[in-house]
Amino acid sequence: MEIQKYNKRRLFWLRFSGWFCLLPASVYLAMLQNSSAPYSYIFLAELVIIVIFAVYLLSTAKSSRWTKAGNIMKLMIFAIIFVSLVIFIPLCFAYYNCRKQSM
């Protein structure tokens, strides 16, 4: 019973993180639209990275890969470096639930 509860919570936080990627993506899209500088392609690259990350996270949320805490830790590191701190926080909750499940 406890394991199923932690699985549901982990799945919720992974999906929440995926949908929450819309927030930094919309910020980068607004920055791209308002920027006329020659380096605005950086905003576009970051927007593409965030969208691909969100699609990957949402499409594999039910996968058994996320039952291992090490895989979620890799996802958290990628999120804090390339995506956003805002996405890192719900992933911490998913990591916590994964650790509780394995105990």
Protein backbone atom coordinates (compact mmCIF):
# COMPACT_ATOMS: atom_id res chain seq x y z
CA MET A 1 0.00 0.00 0.00
CA GLU A 2 2.78 2.43 0.93
CA ILE A 3 4.72 1.66 -2.26
CA GLN A 4 1.68 2.40 -4.40
CA LYS A 5 1.18 5.71 -2.58
CA TYR A 6 4.77 6.75 -3.28
CA ASN A 7 4.43 5.64 -6.92
CA LYS A 8 1.39 7.88 -7.36
CA ARG A 9 3.16 10.81 -5.76
CA ARG A 10 6.28 10.29 -7.87
CA LEU A 11 4.18 10.09 -11.02
CA PHE A 12 2.32 13.26 -10.04
CA TRP A 13 5.52 15.22 -9.45
CA LEU A 14 7.08 14.02 -12.70
CA ARG A 15 4.00 15.05 -14.68
CA PHE A 16 3.79 18.32 -12.79
CA SER A 17 7.41 19.05 -13.67
CA GLY A 18 6.72 18.31 -17.32
CA TRP A 19 3.74 20.62 -17.50
CA PHE A 20 5.48 23.23 -15.37
CA CYS A 21 8.12 23.50 -18.11
CA LEU A 22 5.61 25.73 -19.89
CA LEU A 23 6.49 28.54 -17.49
CA PRO A 24 10.20 28.93 -18.37
CA ALA A 25 9.42 28.12 -22.00
CA SER A 26 6.96 31.00 -22.18
CA VAL A 27 9.52 33.31 -20.57
CA TYR A 28 12.15 32.38 -23.15
CA LEU A 29 9.59 32.79 -25.93
CA ALA A 30 8.76 36.30 -24.70
CA MET A 31 12.47 37.12 -24.47
CA LEU A 32 12.95 35.83 -28.01
CA GLN A 33 10.09 37.94 -29.33
CA ASN A 34 11.26 41.10 -27.57
CA SER A 35 14.92 40.69 -28.46
CA SER A 36 16.36 42.10 -31.63
CA ALA A 37 19.96 41.35 -30.75
CA PRO A 38 22.08 39.09 -32.94
CA TYR A 39 22.53 36.65 -30.06
CA SER A 40 18.79 35.98 -29.70
CA TYR A 41 19.34 32.50 -31.14
CA ILE A 42 20.41 31.53 -27.60
CA PHE A 43 16.82 32.08 -26.44
CA LEU A 44 15.62 29.88 -29.27
CA ALA A 45 18.08 27.13 -28.36
CA GLU A 46 17.02 27.25 -24.73
CA LEU A 47 13.37 27.16 -25.76
CA VAL A 48 13.98 24.05 -27.86
CA ILE A 49 15.86 22.35 -24.99
CA ILE A 50 13.01 23.06 -22.56
CA VAL A 51 10.34 21.81 -24.96
CA ILE A 52 12.25 18.60 -25.71
CA PHE A 53 12.84 18.09 -21.98
CA ALA A 54 9.12 18.55 -21.23
CA VAL A 55 8.04 16.17 -23.98
CA TYR A 56 10.55 13.57 -22.81
CA LEU A 57 9.46 13.91 -19.21
CA LEU A 58 5.75 13.71 -19.99
CA SER A 59 6.07 10.80 -22.40
CA THR A 60 8.19 8.67 -20.07
CA ALA A 61 6.57 9.57 -16.73
CA LYS A 62 4.99 6.13 -16.33
CA SER A 63 8.17 4.33 -17.32
CA SER A 64 9.86 2.01 -14.87
CA ARG A 65 13.04 4.00 -15.42
CA TRP A 66 11.91 6.57 -12.87
CA THR A 67 11.64 4.01 -10.07
CA LYS A 68 15.40 4.33 -9.54
CA ALA A 69 16.53 7.34 -7.55
CA GLY A 70 19.75 7.62 -9.56
CA ASN A 71 17.85 8.26 -12.78
CA ILE A 72 15.78 11.00 -11.17
CA MET A 73 18.99 12.52 -9.80
CA LYS A 74 20.42 12.67 -13.33
CA LEU A 75 17.21 14.32 -14.47
CA MET A 76 17.46 16.84 -11.64
CA ILE A 77 21.05 17.72 -12.53
CA PHE A 78 20.10 18.21 -16.18
CA ALA A 79 17.13 20.35 -15.15
CA ILE A 80 19.12 22.65 -12.88
CA ILE A 81 21.89 23.15 -15.45
CA PHE A 82 19.97 23.42 -18.72
CA VAL A 83 16.30 24.02 -17.96
CA SER A 84 15.39 25.99 -14.86
CA LEU A 85 15.49 26.04 -11.09
CA VAL A 86 11.68 26.14 -11.13
CA ILE A 87 11.59 22.66 -12.69
CA PHE A 88 14.23 21.38 -10.28
CA ILE A 89 12.02 21.89 -7.22
CA PRO A 90 9.17 19.49 -8.15
CA LEU A 91 11.77 16.98 -9.29
CA CYS A 92 13.21 17.11 -5.77
CA PHE A 93 9.83 16.00 -4.44
CA ALA A 94 9.75 13.15 -6.97
CA TYR A 95 13.25 12.15 -5.87
CA TYR A 96 12.19 12.21 -2.23
CA ASN A 97 9.22 9.93 -2.99
CA CYS A 98 11.44 7.58 -4.97
CA ARG A 99 13.86 7.35 -2.05
CA LYS A 100 11.00 6.67 0.37
CA GLN A 101 9.69 3.95 -1.93
CA SER A 102 13.01 2.13 -2.04
CA MET A 103 13.38 2.09 1.76
